[in-house]
Amino acid sequence: MQIISRTYLWLNWATAVFIVGIIVLMVVRLIVDALDLNPFGWTSRTTHRLTDGLLIPVRGGLRNFGMDPKFAPLVVILLVILLGYFFLQLLGAIVFTITGVLASVRDGAMISVIGFILYGAISIYILLIGIRIVFSWGRLSYSNRIMRFLIDVTEPLLGPLRRIIPPLGWIDISPIVAFVILFLFQQAIAGTLLRGASMQAF
């Protein structure tokens, strides 16, 4: 348990450092662009080399939405924070499931083992739907490997819901309905299979 706890805390720290690093890079890029430095100078070339990999796809997405590509660094900052949040939530759900299963096995509570597995799987599924929504804002196609995985995993639930529940104008509300259904299932599991079990991750 202690190894899992330490690994979880380290990954939290590493994710926070990564997010701050990307934010700093984007701020530096904004400053370099605003100062209109010599594009062949070391500062300009280095900054572009470090940031273009993130900015070029976002600029394409902004153009698709009819927005000014100059806002790409700000959008990258927002996306990195959002994806970092989803990653930490996903990590938390996995750690919660593993520690819950291990504690239940130690206590010989096999019903709780099943409950923790189901509860954790639903938590991960909810997060995958959320990540798919964020990625769809960037209009990533099915040819993208990550998007293909997200669609293949979440479409078995979202597809039938989309056929039953018509969209509100151009807004697809099937993910909202899916969130509600999955949340209710989680509460049912917590109130039956996990009744009396510790719901603390550590």
N, C-alpha and C. Protein backbone atom coordinates (compact mmCIF):
# COMPACT_ATOMS: atom_id res chain seq x y z
N MET A 1 0.83 -1.21 0.00
CA MET A 1 0.00 0.00 0.00
C MET A 1 0.86 1.26 0.00
N GLN A 2 1.96 1.21 0.77
CA GLN A 2 2.81 2.39 0.89
C GLN A 2 3.50 2.68 -0.45
N ILE A 3 3.89 1.63 -1.18
CA ILE A 3 4.51 1.83 -2.50
C ILE A 3 3.52 2.49 -3.44
N ILE A 4 2.27 2.02 -3.42
CA ILE A 4 1.24 2.61 -4.29
C ILE A 4 1.02 4.06 -3.93
N SER A 5 0.95 4.34 -2.63
CA SER A 5 0.73 5.71 -2.17
C SER A 5 1.86 6.63 -2.61
N ARG A 6 3.10 6.17 -2.46
CA ARG A 6 4.25 7.01 -2.84
C ARG A 6 4.30 7.22 -4.35
N THR A 7 4.01 6.16 -5.11
CA THR A 7 3.99 6.28 -6.56
C THR A 7 2.91 7.27 -7.01
N TYR A 8 1.76 7.18 -6.37
CA TYR A 8 0.65 8.09 -6.70
C TYR A 8 1.05 9.54 -6.41
N LEU A 9 1.65 9.78 -5.26
CA LEU A 9 2.07 11.14 -4.91
C LEU A 9 3.15 11.64 -5.86
N TRP A 10 4.09 10.76 -6.24
CA TRP A 10 5.14 11.17 -7.18
C TRP A 10 4.55 11.53 -8.54
N LEU A 11 3.60 10.72 -9.03
CA LEU A 11 2.97 11.00 -10.32
C LEU A 11 2.17 12.30 -10.27
N ASN A 12 1.53 12.57 -9.13
CA ASN A 12 0.84 13.85 -8.95
C ASN A 12 1.83 15.01 -9.08
N TRP A 13 2.96 14.88 -8.40
CA TRP A 13 3.98 15.92 -8.44
C TRP A 13 4.54 16.09 -9.86
N ALA A 14 4.84 14.96 -10.52
CA ALA A 14 5.40 15.01 -11.88
C ALA A 14 4.42 15.65 -12.85
N THR A 15 3.14 15.34 -12.71
CA THR A 15 2.13 15.94 -13.59
C THR A 15 2.04 17.44 -13.38
N ALA A 16 2.06 17.87 -12.11
CA ALA A 16 2.02 19.30 -11.82
C ALA A 16 3.23 20.01 -12.41
N VAL A 17 4.41 19.40 -12.29
CA VAL A 17 5.64 20.00 -12.85
C VAL A 17 5.54 20.09 -14.37
N PHE A 18 5.00 19.03 -14.99
CA PHE A 18 4.84 19.03 -16.45
C PHE A 18 3.90 20.15 -16.89
N ILE A 19 2.77 20.30 -16.20
CA ILE A 19 1.80 21.34 -16.55
C ILE A 19 2.44 22.73 -16.41
N VAL A 20 3.15 22.95 -15.30
CA VAL A 20 3.81 24.24 -15.08
C VAL A 20 4.86 24.48 -16.16
N GLY A 21 5.58 23.44 -16.55
CA GLY A 21 6.59 23.58 -17.60
C GLY A 21 5.99 24.02 -18.92
N ILE A 22 4.86 23.39 -19.29
CA ILE A 22 4.18 23.76 -20.54
C ILE A 22 3.66 25.19 -20.46
N ILE A 23 3.11 25.57 -19.31
CA ILE A 23 2.61 26.94 -19.14
C ILE A 23 3.74 27.94 -19.32
N VAL A 24 4.90 27.66 -18.70
CA VAL A 24 6.05 28.56 -18.82
C VAL A 24 6.49 28.67 -20.28
N LEU A 25 6.55 27.53 -20.99
CA LEU A 25 6.94 27.55 -22.40
C LEU A 25 5.99 28.40 -23.23
N MET A 26 4.69 28.25 -22.98
CA MET A 26 3.71 29.02 -23.75
C MET A 26 3.79 30.51 -23.45
N VAL A 27 4.04 30.85 -22.20
CA VAL A 27 4.19 32.27 -21.82
C VAL A 27 5.43 32.86 -22.50
N VAL A 28 6.53 32.09 -22.49
CA VAL A 28 7.75 32.55 -23.18
C VAL A 28 7.49 32.73 -24.67
N ARG A 29 6.73 31.79 -25.26
CA ARG A 29 6.40 31.90 -26.70
C ARG A 29 5.58 33.16 -26.96
N LEU A 30 4.61 33.45 -26.08
CA LEU A 30 3.81 34.67 -26.24
C LEU A 30 4.70 35.92 -26.16
N ILE A 31 5.64 35.91 -25.24
CA ILE A 31 6.54 37.06 -25.08
C ILE A 31 7.44 37.22 -26.30
N VAL A 32 8.01 36.10 -26.77
CA VAL A 32 8.89 36.14 -27.95
C VAL A 32 8.13 36.65 -29.17
N ASP A 33 6.89 36.15 -29.36
CA ASP A 33 6.08 36.60 -30.50
C ASP A 33 5.73 38.08 -30.37
N ALA A 34 5.43 38.53 -29.14
CA ALA A 34 5.06 39.93 -28.93
C ALA A 34 6.24 40.86 -29.18
N LEU A 35 7.45 40.41 -28.84
CA LEU A 35 8.65 41.25 -29.02
C LEU A 35 9.12 41.26 -30.48
N ASP A 36 8.58 40.34 -31.27
CA ASP A 36 8.92 40.26 -32.70
C ASP A 36 10.44 40.18 -32.90
N LEU A 37 11.05 39.21 -32.20
CA LEU A 37 12.51 39.04 -32.26
C LEU A 37 12.93 38.50 -33.63
N ASN A 38 14.20 38.60 -33.89
CA ASN A 38 14.76 38.06 -35.12
C ASN A 38 14.45 36.56 -35.21
N PRO A 39 13.72 36.11 -36.23
CA PRO A 39 13.32 34.70 -36.30
C PRO A 39 14.51 33.74 -36.44
N PHE A 40 15.68 34.27 -36.83
CA PHE A 40 16.86 33.41 -36.98
C PHE A 40 17.77 33.48 -35.75
N GLY A 41 17.38 34.27 -34.75
CA GLY A 41 18.15 34.35 -33.52
C GLY A 41 17.98 33.10 -32.67
N TRP A 42 18.95 32.87 -31.75
CA TRP A 42 18.92 31.66 -30.93
C TRP A 42 17.65 31.57 -30.09
N THR A 43 17.26 32.68 -29.47
CA THR A 43 16.07 32.68 -28.60
C THR A 43 14.82 32.31 -29.37
N SER A 44 14.64 32.94 -30.52
CA SER A 44 13.44 32.69 -31.32
C SER A 44 13.42 31.26 -31.85
N ARG A 45 14.54 30.80 -32.39
CA ARG A 45 14.60 29.44 -32.94
C ARG A 45 14.37 28.39 -31.87
N THR A 46 15.00 28.56 -30.72
CA THR A 46 14.85 27.59 -29.63
C THR A 46 13.41 27.55 -29.12
N THR A 47 12.83 28.72 -28.95
CA THR A 47 11.44 28.79 -28.46
C THR A 47 10.49 28.13 -29.44
N HIS A 48 10.68 28.41 -30.74
CA HIS A 48 9.81 27.80 -31.75
C HIS A 48 9.99 26.29 -31.80
N ARG A 49 11.24 25.84 -31.68
CA ARG A 49 11.49 24.40 -31.72
C ARG A 49 10.83 23.67 -30.56
N LEU A 50 10.81 24.30 -29.38
CA LEU A 50 10.22 23.67 -28.19
C LEU A 50 8.70 23.73 -28.17
N THR A 51 8.10 24.69 -28.87
CA THR A 51 6.65 24.89 -28.74
C THR A 51 5.85 24.56 -30.00
N ASP A 52 6.49 24.50 -31.17
CA ASP A 52 5.74 24.29 -32.41
C ASP A 52 4.98 22.96 -32.42
N GLY A 53 5.56 21.93 -31.80
CA GLY A 53 4.89 20.63 -31.78
C GLY A 53 3.52 20.67 -31.13
N LEU A 54 3.35 21.56 -30.15
CA LEU A 54 2.05 21.71 -29.49
C LEU A 54 1.18 22.74 -30.19
N LEU A 55 1.81 23.79 -30.72
CA LEU A 55 1.03 24.90 -31.26
C LEU A 55 0.46 24.64 -32.65
N ILE A 56 1.21 23.95 -33.50
CA ILE A 56 0.76 23.76 -34.89
C ILE A 56 -0.58 23.03 -34.97
N PRO A 57 -0.78 21.88 -34.26
CA PRO A 57 -2.10 21.23 -34.32
C PRO A 57 -3.22 22.11 -33.76
N VAL A 58 -2.93 22.85 -32.69
CA VAL A 58 -3.96 23.71 -32.08
C VAL A 58 -4.33 24.84 -33.02
N ARG A 59 -3.34 25.40 -33.72
CA ARG A 59 -3.63 26.45 -34.70
C ARG A 59 -4.56 25.93 -35.78
N GLY A 60 -4.30 24.70 -36.23
CA GLY A 60 -5.19 24.11 -37.24
C GLY A 60 -6.61 23.97 -36.73
N GLY A 61 -6.73 23.54 -35.47
CA GLY A 61 -8.06 23.42 -34.88
C GLY A 61 -8.76 24.76 -34.76
N LEU A 62 -8.02 25.80 -34.39
CA LEU A 62 -8.61 27.14 -34.27
C LEU A 62 -9.06 27.65 -35.63
N ARG A 63 -8.27 27.39 -36.66
CA ARG A 63 -8.68 27.81 -38.00
C ARG A 63 -9.97 27.11 -38.42
N ASN A 64 -10.09 25.83 -38.06
CA ASN A 64 -11.32 25.09 -38.38
C ASN A 64 -12.55 25.71 -37.73
N PHE A 65 -12.35 26.29 -36.54
CA PHE A 65 -13.43 26.95 -35.83
C PHE A 65 -13.59 28.41 -36.24
N GLY A 66 -12.75 28.88 -37.16
CA GLY A 66 -12.82 30.26 -37.60
C GLY A 66 -12.26 31.24 -36.59
N MET A 67 -11.35 30.78 -35.73
CA MET A 67 -10.76 31.63 -34.70
C MET A 67 -9.34 32.03 -35.08
N ASP A 68 -8.84 33.09 -34.46
CA ASP A 68 -7.51 33.60 -34.74
C ASP A 68 -6.46 32.66 -34.17
N PRO A 69 -5.54 32.14 -35.00
CA PRO A 69 -4.51 31.20 -34.52
C PRO A 69 -3.56 31.79 -33.48
N LYS A 70 -3.52 33.13 -33.36
CA LYS A 70 -2.59 33.73 -32.40
C LYS A 70 -2.94 33.37 -30.95
N PHE A 71 -4.18 32.89 -30.73
CA PHE A 71 -4.59 32.49 -29.39
C PHE A 71 -4.17 31.06 -29.05
N ALA A 72 -3.46 30.41 -29.98
CA ALA A 72 -3.07 29.01 -29.78
C ALA A 72 -2.32 28.77 -28.47
N PRO A 73 -1.34 29.62 -28.07
CA PRO A 73 -0.65 29.35 -26.79
C PRO A 73 -1.59 29.33 -25.59
N LEU A 74 -2.59 30.22 -25.58
CA LEU A 74 -3.55 30.23 -24.47
C LEU A 74 -4.41 28.97 -24.48
N VAL A 75 -4.79 28.53 -25.68
CA VAL A 75 -5.60 27.31 -25.80
C VAL A 75 -4.78 26.11 -25.35
N VAL A 76 -3.49 26.07 -25.71
CA VAL A 76 -2.62 24.97 -25.28
C VAL A 76 -2.55 24.92 -23.75
N ILE A 77 -2.43 26.09 -23.12
CA ILE A 77 -2.40 26.14 -21.65
C ILE A 77 -3.67 25.56 -21.07
N LEU A 78 -4.81 25.96 -21.60
CA LEU A 78 -6.10 25.45 -21.10
C LEU A 78 -6.22 23.94 -21.31
N LEU A 79 -5.81 23.47 -22.50
CA LEU A 79 -5.91 22.04 -22.79
C LEU A 79 -4.99 21.22 -21.90
N VAL A 80 -3.78 21.71 -21.67
CA VAL A 80 -2.83 20.97 -20.83
C VAL A 80 -3.35 20.87 -19.40
N ILE A 81 -3.91 21.97 -18.89
CA ILE A 81 -4.48 21.94 -17.54
C ILE A 81 -5.64 20.96 -17.48
N LEU A 82 -6.51 21.01 -18.49
CA LEU A 82 -7.69 20.13 -18.52
C LEU A 82 -7.28 18.67 -18.64
N LEU A 83 -6.36 18.37 -19.55
CA LEU A 83 -5.90 16.98 -19.72
C LEU A 83 -5.12 16.50 -18.50
N GLY A 84 -4.37 17.41 -17.87
CA GLY A 84 -3.69 17.05 -16.63
C GLY A 84 -4.68 16.68 -15.54
N TYR A 85 -5.76 17.45 -15.48
CA TYR A 85 -6.82 17.14 -14.50
C TYR A 85 -7.41 15.76 -14.77
N PHE A 86 -7.73 15.49 -16.05
CA PHE A 86 -8.30 14.19 -16.40
C PHE A 86 -7.32 13.06 -16.07
N PHE A 87 -6.03 13.28 -16.34
CA PHE A 87 -5.04 12.26 -16.04
C PHE A 87 -4.98 11.96 -14.55
N LEU A 88 -4.98 13.01 -13.74
CA LEU A 88 -4.92 12.83 -12.28
C LEU A 88 -6.18 12.14 -11.77
N GLN A 89 -7.33 12.48 -12.33
CA GLN A 89 -8.57 11.81 -11.94
C GLN A 89 -8.54 10.33 -12.33
N LEU A 90 -8.03 10.06 -13.53
CA LEU A 90 -7.91 8.68 -14.00
C LEU A 90 -6.95 7.90 -13.11
N LEU A 91 -5.83 8.52 -12.80
CA LEU A 91 -4.86 7.90 -11.90
C LEU A 91 -5.46 7.64 -10.53
N GLY A 92 -6.20 8.62 -10.01
CA GLY A 92 -6.86 8.45 -8.71
C GLY A 92 -7.86 7.31 -8.71
N ALA A 93 -8.62 7.18 -9.83
CA ALA A 93 -9.60 6.09 -9.93
C ALA A 93 -8.90 4.73 -9.94
N ILE A 94 -7.77 4.65 -10.66
CA ILE A 94 -7.03 3.38 -10.72
C ILE A 94 -6.46 3.03 -9.34
N VAL A 95 -5.85 4.01 -8.68
CA VAL A 95 -5.27 3.77 -7.36
C VAL A 95 -6.36 3.40 -6.35
N PHE A 96 -7.50 4.10 -6.41
CA PHE A 96 -8.62 3.80 -5.52
C PHE A 96 -9.07 2.35 -5.70
N THR A 97 -9.17 1.92 -6.97
CA THR A 97 -9.61 0.55 -7.25
C THR A 97 -8.60 -0.47 -6.73
N ILE A 98 -7.32 -0.24 -7.02
CA ILE A 98 -6.28 -1.19 -6.61
C ILE A 98 -6.21 -1.30 -5.08
N THR A 99 -6.18 -0.15 -4.39
CA THR A 99 -6.08 -0.19 -2.93
C THR A 99 -7.33 -0.79 -2.31
N GLY A 100 -8.49 -0.50 -2.90
CA GLY A 100 -9.73 -1.08 -2.39
C GLY A 100 -9.77 -2.59 -2.55
N VAL A 101 -9.33 -3.06 -3.72
CA VAL A 101 -9.30 -4.51 -3.97
C VAL A 101 -8.30 -5.19 -3.02
N LEU A 102 -7.12 -4.60 -2.87
CA LEU A 102 -6.11 -5.21 -1.99
C LEU A 102 -6.59 -5.26 -0.54
N ALA A 103 -7.22 -4.17 -0.08
CA ALA A 103 -7.73 -4.14 1.30
C ALA A 103 -8.84 -5.17 1.48
N SER A 104 -9.70 -5.32 0.47
CA SER A 104 -10.81 -6.28 0.57
C SER A 104 -10.30 -7.72 0.54
N VAL A 105 -9.28 -7.99 -0.28
CA VAL A 105 -8.68 -9.33 -0.32
C VAL A 105 -8.04 -9.65 1.02
N ARG A 106 -7.35 -8.65 1.60
CA ARG A 106 -6.71 -8.84 2.90
C ARG A 106 -7.75 -9.17 3.98
N ASP A 107 -8.92 -8.50 3.89
CA ASP A 107 -9.98 -8.73 4.88
C ASP A 107 -10.87 -9.91 4.53
N GLY A 108 -10.65 -10.53 3.37
CA GLY A 108 -11.46 -11.67 2.94
C GLY A 108 -12.86 -11.29 2.51
N ALA A 109 -13.07 -10.04 2.11
CA ALA A 109 -14.40 -9.56 1.69
C ALA A 109 -14.48 -9.60 0.17
N MET A 110 -14.85 -10.76 -0.38
CA MET A 110 -14.85 -10.94 -1.83
C MET A 110 -15.95 -10.12 -2.51
N ILE A 111 -17.05 -9.87 -1.82
CA ILE A 111 -18.10 -9.03 -2.41
C ILE A 111 -17.57 -7.61 -2.62
N SER A 112 -16.80 -7.12 -1.66
CA SER A 112 -16.20 -5.79 -1.79
C SER A 112 -15.19 -5.74 -2.93
N VAL A 113 -14.49 -6.85 -3.16
CA VAL A 113 -13.54 -6.90 -4.28
C VAL A 113 -14.27 -6.64 -5.59
N ILE A 114 -15.38 -7.33 -5.78
CA ILE A 114 -16.18 -7.14 -7.00
C ILE A 114 -16.70 -5.70 -7.06
N GLY A 115 -17.15 -5.19 -5.91
CA GLY A 115 -17.66 -3.83 -5.86
C GLY A 115 -16.62 -2.80 -6.24
N PHE A 116 -15.40 -2.95 -5.69
CA PHE A 116 -14.34 -1.99 -6.01
C PHE A 116 -13.95 -2.05 -7.48
N ILE A 117 -13.92 -3.26 -8.04
CA ILE A 117 -13.58 -3.41 -9.46
C ILE A 117 -14.63 -2.72 -10.33
N LEU A 118 -15.91 -2.97 -10.04
CA LEU A 118 -16.98 -2.35 -10.82
C LEU A 118 -17.00 -0.84 -10.65
N TYR A 119 -16.85 -0.38 -9.40
CA TYR A 119 -16.86 1.05 -9.11
C TYR A 119 -15.71 1.75 -9.84
N GLY A 120 -14.52 1.15 -9.78
CA GLY A 120 -13.36 1.74 -10.44
C GLY A 120 -13.50 1.74 -11.96
N ALA A 121 -14.03 0.63 -12.51
CA ALA A 121 -14.21 0.55 -13.97
C ALA A 121 -15.17 1.63 -14.46
N ILE A 122 -16.24 1.88 -13.70
CA ILE A 122 -17.19 2.92 -14.09
C ILE A 122 -16.54 4.30 -13.99
N SER A 123 -15.74 4.53 -12.95
CA SER A 123 -15.03 5.80 -12.81
C SER A 123 -14.12 6.05 -14.01
N ILE A 124 -13.40 5.02 -14.41
CA ILE A 124 -12.49 5.16 -15.56
C ILE A 124 -13.30 5.41 -16.84
N TYR A 125 -14.43 4.72 -16.98
CA TYR A 125 -15.26 4.89 -18.17
C TYR A 125 -15.81 6.32 -18.26
N ILE A 126 -16.24 6.86 -17.12
CA ILE A 126 -16.73 8.24 -17.07
C ILE A 126 -15.64 9.20 -17.54
N LEU A 127 -14.41 8.98 -17.06
CA LEU A 127 -13.31 9.85 -17.45
C LEU A 127 -12.97 9.71 -18.92
N LEU A 128 -13.06 8.52 -19.48
CA LEU A 128 -12.80 8.32 -20.90
C LEU A 128 -13.82 9.07 -21.75
N ILE A 129 -15.07 9.08 -21.31
CA ILE A 129 -16.09 9.86 -22.03
C ILE A 129 -15.74 11.34 -21.97
N GLY A 130 -15.32 11.81 -20.80
CA GLY A 130 -14.93 13.22 -20.66
C GLY A 130 -13.75 13.57 -21.55
N ILE A 131 -12.75 12.69 -21.59
CA ILE A 131 -11.58 12.93 -22.44
C ILE A 131 -11.98 12.94 -23.91
N ARG A 132 -12.91 12.05 -24.29
CA ARG A 132 -13.38 12.03 -25.68
C ARG A 132 -14.04 13.36 -26.04
N ILE A 133 -14.82 13.91 -25.12
CA ILE A 133 -15.48 15.19 -25.38
C ILE A 133 -14.44 16.27 -25.63
N VAL A 134 -13.42 16.33 -24.76
CA VAL A 134 -12.37 17.35 -24.91
C VAL A 134 -11.65 17.18 -26.25
N PHE A 135 -11.29 15.94 -26.60
CA PHE A 135 -10.58 15.70 -27.85
C PHE A 135 -11.46 16.02 -29.06
N SER A 136 -12.77 15.81 -28.93
CA SER A 136 -13.66 16.10 -30.06
C SER A 136 -13.74 17.59 -30.34
N TRP A 137 -13.49 18.42 -29.32
CA TRP A 137 -13.46 19.88 -29.54
C TRP A 137 -12.36 20.25 -30.52
N GLY A 138 -11.29 19.48 -30.52
CA GLY A 138 -10.20 19.73 -31.46
C GLY A 138 -10.44 19.11 -32.82
N ARG A 139 -11.63 18.53 -32.99
CA ARG A 139 -12.03 17.92 -34.27
C ARG A 139 -11.02 16.88 -34.75
N LEU A 140 -10.53 16.08 -33.80
CA LEU A 140 -9.63 15.00 -34.18
C LEU A 140 -10.43 13.92 -34.90
N SER A 141 -9.89 13.40 -35.97
CA SER A 141 -10.61 12.40 -36.75
C SER A 141 -10.37 11.00 -36.19
N TYR A 142 -11.12 10.05 -36.74
CA TYR A 142 -11.02 8.66 -36.30
C TYR A 142 -9.64 8.08 -36.63
N SER A 143 -8.93 8.71 -37.57
CA SER A 143 -7.60 8.22 -37.95
C SER A 143 -6.57 8.45 -36.83
N ASN A 144 -6.86 9.39 -35.91
CA ASN A 144 -5.98 9.61 -34.77
C ASN A 144 -6.09 8.42 -33.81
N ARG A 145 -4.97 7.85 -33.40
CA ARG A 145 -4.99 6.62 -32.60
C ARG A 145 -5.69 6.80 -31.26
N ILE A 146 -5.42 7.93 -30.61
CA ILE A 146 -6.06 8.17 -29.30
C ILE A 146 -7.55 8.34 -29.47
N MET A 147 -7.95 9.13 -30.47
CA MET A 147 -9.38 9.35 -30.70
C MET A 147 -10.08 8.05 -31.10
N ARG A 148 -9.39 7.24 -31.90
CA ARG A 148 -9.97 5.96 -32.32
C ARG A 148 -10.23 5.08 -31.10
N PHE A 149 -9.25 5.04 -30.17
CA PHE A 149 -9.42 4.25 -28.95
C PHE A 149 -10.60 4.77 -28.13
N LEU A 150 -10.68 6.10 -27.97
CA LEU A 150 -11.76 6.69 -27.17
C LEU A 150 -13.13 6.41 -27.79
N ILE A 151 -13.22 6.51 -29.10
CA ILE A 151 -14.50 6.24 -29.78
C ILE A 151 -14.87 4.77 -29.65
N ASP A 152 -13.90 3.88 -29.90
CA ASP A 152 -14.18 2.44 -29.83
C ASP A 152 -14.64 2.02 -28.44
N VAL A 153 -14.07 2.66 -27.40
CA VAL A 153 -14.41 2.27 -26.03
C VAL A 153 -15.74 2.87 -25.58
N THR A 154 -16.02 4.11 -25.95
CA THR A 154 -17.20 4.81 -25.42
C THR A 154 -18.44 4.71 -26.31
N GLU A 155 -18.25 4.42 -27.59
CA GLU A 155 -19.39 4.40 -28.51
C GLU A 155 -20.43 3.32 -28.18
N PRO A 156 -20.03 2.14 -27.63
CA PRO A 156 -21.06 1.15 -27.27
C PRO A 156 -22.13 1.69 -26.33
N LEU A 157 -21.81 2.69 -25.51
CA LEU A 157 -22.82 3.31 -24.65
C LEU A 157 -23.41 4.56 -25.29
N LEU A 158 -22.55 5.41 -25.86
CA LEU A 158 -23.02 6.69 -26.40
C LEU A 158 -23.84 6.50 -27.68
N GLY A 159 -23.49 5.50 -28.49
CA GLY A 159 -24.20 5.27 -29.75
C GLY A 159 -25.70 5.00 -29.55
N PRO A 160 -26.05 3.98 -28.75
CA PRO A 160 -27.48 3.73 -28.50
C PRO A 160 -28.19 4.91 -27.84
N LEU A 161 -27.52 5.60 -26.91
CA LEU A 161 -28.14 6.77 -26.27
C LEU A 161 -28.40 7.87 -27.29
N ARG A 162 -27.47 8.04 -28.23
CA ARG A 162 -27.62 9.08 -29.25
C ARG A 162 -28.81 8.77 -30.16
N ARG A 163 -29.06 7.47 -30.40
CA ARG A 163 -30.22 7.10 -31.24
C ARG A 163 -31.54 7.30 -30.50
N ILE A 164 -31.51 7.11 -29.18
CA ILE A 164 -32.74 7.24 -28.39
C ILE A 164 -33.04 8.70 -28.08
N ILE A 165 -31.99 9.46 -27.73
CA ILE A 165 -32.17 10.85 -27.29
C ILE A 165 -31.72 11.80 -28.39
N PRO A 166 -32.64 12.55 -28.99
CA PRO A 166 -32.24 13.46 -30.06
C PRO A 166 -31.41 14.62 -29.51
N PRO A 167 -30.51 15.16 -30.34
CA PRO A 167 -29.70 16.30 -29.89
C PRO A 167 -30.54 17.56 -29.70
N LEU A 168 -30.08 18.43 -28.82
CA LEU A 168 -30.73 19.73 -28.62
C LEU A 168 -30.06 20.74 -29.55
N GLY A 169 -30.65 20.89 -30.73
CA GLY A 169 -30.02 21.74 -31.74
C GLY A 169 -28.77 21.04 -32.24
N TRP A 170 -27.60 21.67 -32.08
CA TRP A 170 -26.35 21.05 -32.50
C TRP A 170 -25.60 20.44 -31.32
N ILE A 171 -26.25 20.43 -30.14
CA ILE A 171 -25.60 19.91 -28.93
C ILE A 171 -26.02 18.46 -28.71
N ASP A 172 -25.04 17.57 -28.68
CA ASP A 172 -25.28 16.15 -28.39
C ASP A 172 -25.30 15.96 -26.87
N ILE A 173 -26.47 15.62 -26.34
CA ILE A 173 -26.59 15.48 -24.88
C ILE A 173 -26.42 14.04 -24.41
N SER A 174 -26.10 13.14 -25.33
CA SER A 174 -25.93 11.73 -24.92
C SER A 174 -24.83 11.55 -23.88
N PRO A 175 -23.70 12.29 -23.94
CA PRO A 175 -22.71 12.13 -22.87
C PRO A 175 -23.24 12.53 -21.49
N ILE A 176 -24.09 13.57 -21.44
CA ILE A 176 -24.66 13.99 -20.15
C ILE A 176 -25.53 12.88 -19.58
N VAL A 177 -26.36 12.29 -20.44
CA VAL A 177 -27.22 11.18 -20.00
C VAL A 177 -26.36 10.00 -19.55
N ALA A 178 -25.28 9.74 -20.29
CA ALA A 178 -24.38 8.65 -19.92
C ALA A 178 -23.75 8.90 -18.55
N PHE A 179 -23.34 10.16 -18.30
CA PHE A 179 -22.77 10.50 -16.99
C PHE A 179 -23.77 10.21 -15.88
N VAL A 180 -25.02 10.59 -16.09
CA VAL A 180 -26.06 10.40 -15.06
C VAL A 180 -26.28 8.91 -14.81
N ILE A 181 -26.39 8.12 -15.88
CA ILE A 181 -26.62 6.68 -15.75
C ILE A 181 -25.46 6.01 -15.01
N LEU A 182 -24.24 6.34 -15.41
CA LEU A 182 -23.07 5.74 -14.78
C LEU A 182 -22.93 6.16 -13.33
N PHE A 183 -23.25 7.42 -13.04
CA PHE A 183 -23.21 7.90 -11.65
C PHE A 183 -24.21 7.12 -10.79
N LEU A 184 -25.41 6.90 -11.31
CA LEU A 184 -26.43 6.15 -10.57
C LEU A 184 -25.97 4.71 -10.32
N PHE A 185 -25.32 4.10 -11.32
CA PHE A 185 -24.78 2.76 -11.14
C PHE A 185 -23.72 2.75 -10.04
N GLN A 186 -22.85 3.76 -10.04
CA GLN A 186 -21.83 3.86 -9.00
C GLN A 186 -22.45 3.96 -7.61
N GLN A 187 -23.48 4.78 -7.48
CA GLN A 187 -24.13 4.93 -6.19
C GLN A 187 -24.80 3.63 -5.75
N ALA A 188 -25.36 2.91 -6.72
CA ALA A 188 -25.98 1.61 -6.39
C ALA A 188 -24.92 0.62 -5.91
N ILE A 189 -23.76 0.62 -6.57
CA ILE A 189 -22.67 -0.27 -6.16
C ILE A 189 -22.16 0.11 -4.77
N ALA A 190 -21.99 1.43 -4.55
CA ALA A 190 -21.51 1.89 -3.24
C ALA A 190 -22.49 1.54 -2.13
N GLY A 191 -23.78 1.56 -2.45
CA GLY A 191 -24.80 1.28 -1.43
C GLY A 191 -25.10 -0.18 -1.23
N THR A 192 -24.57 -1.05 -2.09
CA THR A 192 -24.83 -2.49 -1.96
C THR A 192 -23.53 -3.28 -1.77
N LEU A 193 -22.75 -3.40 -2.84
CA LEU A 193 -21.53 -4.22 -2.78
C LEU A 193 -20.46 -3.62 -1.88
N LEU A 194 -20.45 -2.29 -1.76
CA LEU A 194 -19.41 -1.64 -0.95
C LEU A 194 -19.94 -1.14 0.39
N ARG A 195 -21.13 -1.52 0.76
CA ARG A 195 -21.67 -1.09 2.04
C ARG A 195 -20.80 -1.63 3.18
N GLY A 196 -20.29 -0.73 3.99
CA GLY A 196 -19.43 -1.11 5.10
C GLY A 196 -17.96 -1.16 4.76
N ALA A 197 -17.64 -1.10 3.43
CA ALA A 197 -16.23 -1.09 3.03
C ALA A 197 -15.69 0.33 3.13
N SER A 198 -14.39 0.44 3.35
CA SER A 198 -13.74 1.77 3.41
C SER A 198 -13.66 2.33 2.00
N MET A 199 -14.16 3.57 1.82
CA MET A 199 -14.13 4.21 0.51
C MET A 199 -12.97 5.18 0.39
N GLN A 200 -11.99 5.06 1.28
CA GLN A 200 -10.81 5.90 1.19
C GLN A 200 -9.81 5.26 0.25
N ALA A 201 -9.15 6.10 -0.56
CA ALA A 201 -8.16 5.57 -1.52
C ALA A 201 -6.93 5.03 -0.80
N PHE A 202 -6.61 5.60 0.36
CA PHE A 202 -5.42 5.15 1.09
C PHE A 202 -5.80 4.86 2.53
